[in-house]
Amino acid sequence: MVEGEGIWLSDKIAKLPEKFRAEYANILPLAMADGIFKCEPRRVWSTVYSYNRPEISVEYVTEMLNVMEGIGLIFRAELDGQKWAFFIGIDKPGRLPEPSKRGRYTTSGLHPESIRTMFGHLLQSAHRNGSGPSEGPKLTPEQLKQYMRGQSAKNKAHKK
């Protein structure tokens, strides 16, 4: 189940370029019961967009994932040649099935130690006194401005 207020009131989602804001909610169902999803852009495009969003390209998905990671909405890692991602904050209480019930749902199939190796610094832990996950990599304000300027220039060139 998607937590509406977590999406509607997210300061991080508000930092996304407008064209990507709704896409966060669109790709969120990719997360398996452990909060992880396979993050190869072509796979994401094929699963989420190929059937009913033909205007979306693999390049668009690649750009979107890069921006989402830069802002700190997802964190990506690679294991044995497979690209994985974790939605930062998805492990907050009530967003994923309880650990005791996760066996009923599809998970990444990754060994818990592999998950800890790739994403452990993002996972909530009782040892953190409830401080929540770290924010992951972010674009600096200057990098975000440069990105937005580049997008504006691309859009102007595309319209001509």
C-alpha atoms as a PDB file:
ATOM      1  CA  MET A   1       0.000   0.000   0.000  1.00  0.00           C
ATOM      2  CA  VAL A   2       1.263   3.459  -0.871  1.00  0.00           C
ATOM      3  CA  GLU A   3       1.348   6.011   1.928  1.00  0.00           C
ATOM      4  CA  GLY A   4      -0.235   9.079   0.316  1.00  0.00           C
ATOM      5  CA  GLU A   5       1.039  11.690   2.754  1.00  0.00           C
ATOM      6  CA  GLY A   6       4.559  10.302   2.431  1.00  0.00           C
ATOM      7  CA  ILE A   7       4.408  11.117  -1.285  1.00  0.00           C
ATOM      8  CA  TRP A   8       2.189  14.203  -1.276  1.00  0.00           C
ATOM      9  CA  LEU A   9       4.186  16.026   1.395  1.00  0.00           C
ATOM     10  CA  SER A  10       7.689  14.874   0.442  1.00  0.00           C
ATOM     11  CA  ASP A  11      10.237  17.681   0.278  1.00  0.00           C
ATOM     12  CA  LYS A  12      12.503  15.423  -1.788  1.00  0.00           C
ATOM     13  CA  ILE A  13       9.825  14.717  -4.392  1.00  0.00           C
ATOM     14  CA  ALA A  14       9.178  18.463  -4.550  1.00  0.00           C
ATOM     15  CA  LYS A  15      12.836  18.883  -5.581  1.00  0.00           C
ATOM     16  CA  LEU A  16      12.345  16.657  -8.613  1.00  0.00           C
ATOM     17  CA  PRO A  17      11.882  18.329 -11.974  1.00  0.00           C
ATOM     18  CA  GLU A  18       8.136  18.531 -12.543  1.00  0.00           C
ATOM     19  CA  LYS A  19       8.218  15.929 -15.312  1.00  0.00           C
ATOM     20  CA  PHE A  20       9.493  13.271 -12.860  1.00  0.00           C
ATOM     21  CA  ARG A  21       7.347  13.982  -9.786  1.00  0.00           C
ATOM     22  CA  ALA A  22       4.442  11.667 -10.618  1.00  0.00           C
ATOM     23  CA  GLU A  23       6.882   9.021 -11.826  1.00  0.00           C
ATOM     24  CA  TYR A  24       8.060   8.352  -8.274  1.00  0.00           C
ATOM     25  CA  ALA A  25       4.610   7.001  -7.378  1.00  0.00           C
ATOM     26  CA  ASN A  26       4.516   5.205 -10.721  1.00  0.00           C
ATOM     27  CA  ILE A  27       7.727   3.236 -10.093  1.00  0.00           C
ATOM     28  CA  LEU A  28       7.187   2.683  -6.359  1.00  0.00           C
ATOM     29  CA  PRO A  29       5.312  -0.611  -6.952  1.00  0.00           C
ATOM     30  CA  LEU A  30       8.575  -2.023  -8.327  1.00  0.00           C
ATOM     31  CA  ALA A  31       9.702  -2.380  -4.711  1.00  0.00           C
ATOM     32  CA  MET A  32       9.486  -5.926  -3.491  1.00  0.00           C
ATOM     33  CA  ALA A  33       8.641  -6.814   0.104  1.00  0.00           C
ATOM     34  CA  ASP A  34      12.187  -5.960   1.180  1.00  0.00           C
ATOM     35  CA  GLY A  35      12.055  -2.494  -0.453  1.00  0.00           C
ATOM     36  CA  ILE A  36      14.473  -3.415  -3.229  1.00  0.00           C
ATOM     37  CA  PHE A  37      13.945  -3.542  -6.981  1.00  0.00           C
ATOM     38  CA  LYS A  38      15.979  -4.477 -10.043  1.00  0.00           C
ATOM     39  CA  CYS A  39      17.133  -1.160 -11.421  1.00  0.00           C
ATOM     40  CA  GLU A  40      18.407  -1.713 -14.937  1.00  0.00           C
ATOM     41  CA  PRO A  41      16.784   1.200 -16.845  1.00  0.00           C
ATOM     42  CA  ARG A  42      15.606  -1.012 -19.711  1.00  0.00           C
ATOM     43  CA  ARG A  43      13.948  -3.404 -17.235  1.00  0.00           C
ATOM     44  CA  VAL A  44      12.231  -0.501 -15.439  1.00  0.00           C
ATOM     45  CA  TRP A  45      11.044   0.875 -18.788  1.00  0.00           C
ATOM     46  CA  SER A  46       9.818  -2.548 -19.929  1.00  0.00           C
ATOM     47  CA  THR A  47       7.950  -3.245 -16.700  1.00  0.00           C
ATOM     48  CA  VAL A  48       6.451   0.170 -16.015  1.00  0.00           C
ATOM     49  CA  TYR A  49       6.175   2.039 -19.306  1.00  0.00           C
ATOM     50  CA  SER A  50       6.289  -0.195 -22.392  1.00  0.00           C
ATOM     51  CA  TYR A  51       2.638  -1.257 -22.326  1.00  0.00           C
ATOM     52  CA  ASN A  52       0.738   1.976 -21.813  1.00  0.00           C
ATOM     53  CA  ARG A  53       3.259   4.839 -21.933  1.00  0.00           C
ATOM     54  CA  PRO A  54       4.884   4.586 -25.385  1.00  0.00           C
ATOM     55  CA  GLU A  55       6.063   8.200 -25.191  1.00  0.00           C
ATOM     56  CA  ILE A  56       8.497   7.262 -22.398  1.00  0.00           C
ATOM     57  CA  SER A  57      11.926   6.112 -23.583  1.00  0.00           C
ATOM     58  CA  VAL A  58      14.685   4.114 -21.916  1.00  0.00           C
ATOM     59  CA  GLU A  59      16.768   7.303 -21.999  1.00  0.00           C
ATOM     60  CA  TYR A  60      14.030   9.140 -20.078  1.00  0.00           C
ATOM     61  CA  VAL A  61      13.991   6.360 -17.460  1.00  0.00           C
ATOM     62  CA  THR A  62      17.796   6.488 -17.182  1.00  0.00           C
ATOM     63  CA  GLU A  63      17.693  10.245 -16.636  1.00  0.00           C
ATOM     64  CA  MET A  64      14.850   9.926 -14.123  1.00  0.00           C
ATOM     65  CA  LEU A  65      16.672   7.288 -12.064  1.00  0.00           C
ATOM     66  CA  ASN A  66      19.851   9.392 -12.082  1.00  0.00           C
ATOM     67  CA  VAL A  67      17.967  12.436 -10.813  1.00  0.00           C
ATOM     68  CA  MET A  68      16.066  10.415  -8.179  1.00  0.00           C
ATOM     69  CA  GLU A  69      19.350   9.033  -6.898  1.00  0.00           C
ATOM     70  CA  GLY A  70      20.984  12.465  -6.936  1.00  0.00           C
ATOM     71  CA  ILE A  71      18.192  13.937  -4.831  1.00  0.00           C
ATOM     72  CA  GLY A  72      18.266  11.013  -2.383  1.00  0.00           C
ATOM     73  CA  LEU A  73      15.007   9.217  -3.223  1.00  0.00           C
ATOM     74  CA  ILE A  74      16.714   5.997  -4.289  1.00  0.00           C
ATOM     75  CA  PHE A  75      20.109   4.450  -3.787  1.00  0.00           C
ATOM     76  CA  ARG A  76      21.583   2.090  -6.368  1.00  0.00           C
ATOM     77  CA  ALA A  77      24.123  -0.680  -6.004  1.00  0.00           C
ATOM     78  CA  GLU A  78      25.419  -3.574  -8.047  1.00  0.00           C
ATOM     79  CA  LEU A  79      25.877  -7.157  -6.959  1.00  0.00           C
ATOM     80  CA  ASP A  80      27.162  -9.942  -9.205  1.00  0.00           C
ATOM     81  CA  GLY A  81      26.482  -7.863 -12.319  1.00  0.00           C
ATOM     82  CA  GLN A  82      22.866  -7.104 -11.328  1.00  0.00           C
ATOM     83  CA  LYS A  83      21.794  -3.518 -10.672  1.00  0.00           C
ATOM     84  CA  TRP A  84      19.549  -3.028  -7.655  1.00  0.00           C
ATOM     85  CA  ALA A  85      17.945  -0.011  -6.017  1.00  0.00           C
ATOM     86  CA  PHE A  86      16.417   0.759  -2.661  1.00  0.00           C
ATOM     87  CA  PHE A  87      13.754   3.414  -2.070  1.00  0.00           C
ATOM     88  CA  ILE A  88      15.244   5.480   0.746  1.00  0.00           C
ATOM     89  CA  GLY A  89      12.790   5.584   3.650  1.00  0.00           C
ATOM     90  CA  ILE A  90      10.603   2.714   2.418  1.00  0.00           C
ATOM     91  CA  ASP A  91      11.598   0.724   5.488  1.00  0.00           C
ATOM     92  CA  LYS A  92       9.833   3.154   7.834  1.00  0.00           C
ATOM     93  CA  PRO A  93       7.115   1.450   9.888  1.00  0.00           C
ATOM     94  CA  GLY A  94       3.973   0.699   7.900  1.00  0.00           C
ATOM     95  CA  ARG A  95       5.492   1.021   4.429  1.00  0.00           C
ATOM     96  CA  LEU A  96       6.631  -2.585   3.932  1.00  0.00           C
ATOM     97  CA  PRO A  97       5.173  -5.863   5.175  1.00  0.00           C
ATOM     98  CA  GLU A  98       6.390  -6.765   8.651  1.00  0.00           C
ATOM     99  CA  PRO A  99       9.510  -8.965   8.532  1.00  0.00           C
ATOM    100  CA  SER A 100       7.504 -11.914   9.869  1.00  0.00           C
ATOM    101  CA  LYS A 101       5.030 -11.589   6.945  1.00  0.00           C
ATOM    102  CA  ARG A 102       7.485 -10.918   4.119  1.00  0.00           C
ATOM    103  CA  GLY A 103       7.582 -14.604   3.202  1.00  0.00           C
ATOM    104  CA  ARG A 104       4.061 -14.198   1.785  1.00  0.00           C
ATOM    105  CA  TYR A 105       5.283 -11.667  -0.766  1.00  0.00           C
ATOM    106  CA  THR A 106       7.934 -11.549  -3.460  1.00  0.00           C
ATOM    107  CA  THR A 107      11.290 -10.339  -2.237  1.00  0.00           C
ATOM    108  CA  SER A 108      14.506  -9.663  -4.090  1.00  0.00           C
ATOM    109  CA  GLY A 109      15.725 -13.129  -3.151  1.00  0.00           C
ATOM    110  CA  LEU A 110      18.981 -11.578  -2.014  1.00  0.00           C
ATOM    111  CA  HIS A 111      20.638 -12.972   1.078  1.00  0.00           C
ATOM    112  CA  PRO A 112      20.118 -10.601   4.039  1.00  0.00           C
ATOM    113  CA  GLU A 113      23.886 -10.159   4.302  1.00  0.00           C
ATOM    114  CA  SER A 114      24.023  -9.002   0.665  1.00  0.00           C
ATOM    115  CA  ILE A 115      21.242  -6.515   1.368  1.00  0.00           C
ATOM    116  CA  ARG A 116      23.124  -5.213   4.400  1.00  0.00           C
ATOM    117  CA  THR A 117      26.312  -4.929   2.342  1.00  0.00           C
ATOM    118  CA  MET A 118      24.609  -2.926  -0.420  1.00  0.00           C
ATOM    119  CA  PHE A 119      22.025  -0.905   1.499  1.00  0.00           C
ATOM    120  CA  GLY A 120      22.756  -1.358   5.210  1.00  0.00           C
ATOM    121  CA  HIS A 121      23.739   2.274   5.720  1.00  0.00           C
ATOM    122  CA  LEU A 122      20.228   3.247   4.572  1.00  0.00           C
ATOM    123  CA  LEU A 123      18.182   0.765   6.555  1.00  0.00           C
ATOM    124  CA  GLN A 124      16.513   1.858   9.752  1.00  0.00           C
ATOM    125  CA  SER A 125      17.840   0.199  12.853  1.00  0.00           C
ATOM    126  CA  ALA A 126      16.996   0.183  16.531  1.00  0.00           C
ATOM    127  CA  HIS A 127      20.648   1.003  17.065  1.00  0.00           C
ATOM    128  CA  ARG A 128      20.090   4.415  15.500  1.00  0.00           C
ATOM    129  CA  ASN A 129      17.639   5.534  18.172  1.00  0.00           C
ATOM    130  CA  GLY A 130      14.938   6.031  15.572  1.00  0.00           C
ATOM    131  CA  SER A 131      16.885   8.591  13.592  1.00  0.00           C
ATOM    132  CA  GLY A 132      15.908   6.941  10.321  1.00  0.00           C
ATOM    133  CA  PRO A 133      17.967   6.080   7.286  1.00  0.00           C
ATOM    134  CA  SER A 134      20.749   8.240   5.974  1.00  0.00           C
ATOM    135  CA  GLU A 135      19.876  10.407   3.037  1.00  0.00           C
ATOM    136  CA  GLY A 136      22.146   8.804   0.462  1.00  0.00           C
ATOM    137  CA  PRO A 137      23.865  10.759  -2.299  1.00  0.00           C
ATOM    138  CA  LYS A 138      22.390  14.099  -3.314  1.00  0.00           C
ATOM    139  CA  LEU A 139      22.895  16.680  -5.984  1.00  0.00           C
ATOM    140  CA  THR A 140      24.331  19.885  -4.642  1.00  0.00           C
ATOM    141  CA  PRO A 141      22.153  22.952  -5.240  1.00  0.00           C
ATOM    142  CA  GLU A 142      24.588  24.011  -7.992  1.00  0.00           C
ATOM    143  CA  GLN A 143      24.443  20.567  -9.658  1.00  0.00           C
ATOM    144  CA  LEU A 144      20.641  20.665  -9.545  1.00  0.00           C
ATOM    145  CA  LYS A 145      20.630  24.155 -11.105  1.00  0.00           C
ATOM    146  CA  GLN A 146      22.993  22.965 -13.852  1.00  0.00           C
ATOM    147  CA  TYR A 147      20.763  19.963 -14.479  1.00  0.00           C
ATOM    148  CA  MET A 148      17.665  22.164 -14.692  1.00  0.00           C
ATOM    149  CA  ARG A 149      19.439  24.609 -17.071  1.00  0.00           C
ATOM    150  CA  GLY A 150      20.457  21.680 -19.271  1.00  0.00           C
ATOM    151  CA  GLN A 151      16.882  20.382 -19.323  1.00  0.00           C
ATOM    152  CA  SER A 152      15.544  23.809 -20.234  1.00  0.00           C
ATOM    153  CA  ALA A 153      18.031  24.083 -23.112  1.00  0.00           C
ATOM    154  CA  LYS A 154      17.114  20.564 -24.320  1.00  0.00           C
ATOM    155  CA  ASN A 155      13.409  21.403 -24.234  1.00  0.00           C
ATOM    156  CA  LYS A 156      13.941  24.620 -26.222  1.00  0.00           C
ATOM    157  CA  ALA A 157      16.050  22.804 -28.816  1.00  0.00           C
ATOM    158  CA  HIS A 158      13.494  20.001 -29.068  1.00  0.00           C
ATOM    159  CA  LYS A 159      10.622  22.439 -29.717  1.00  0.00           C
ATOM    160  CA  LYS A 160      12.419  24.049 -32.687  1.00  0.00           C
END
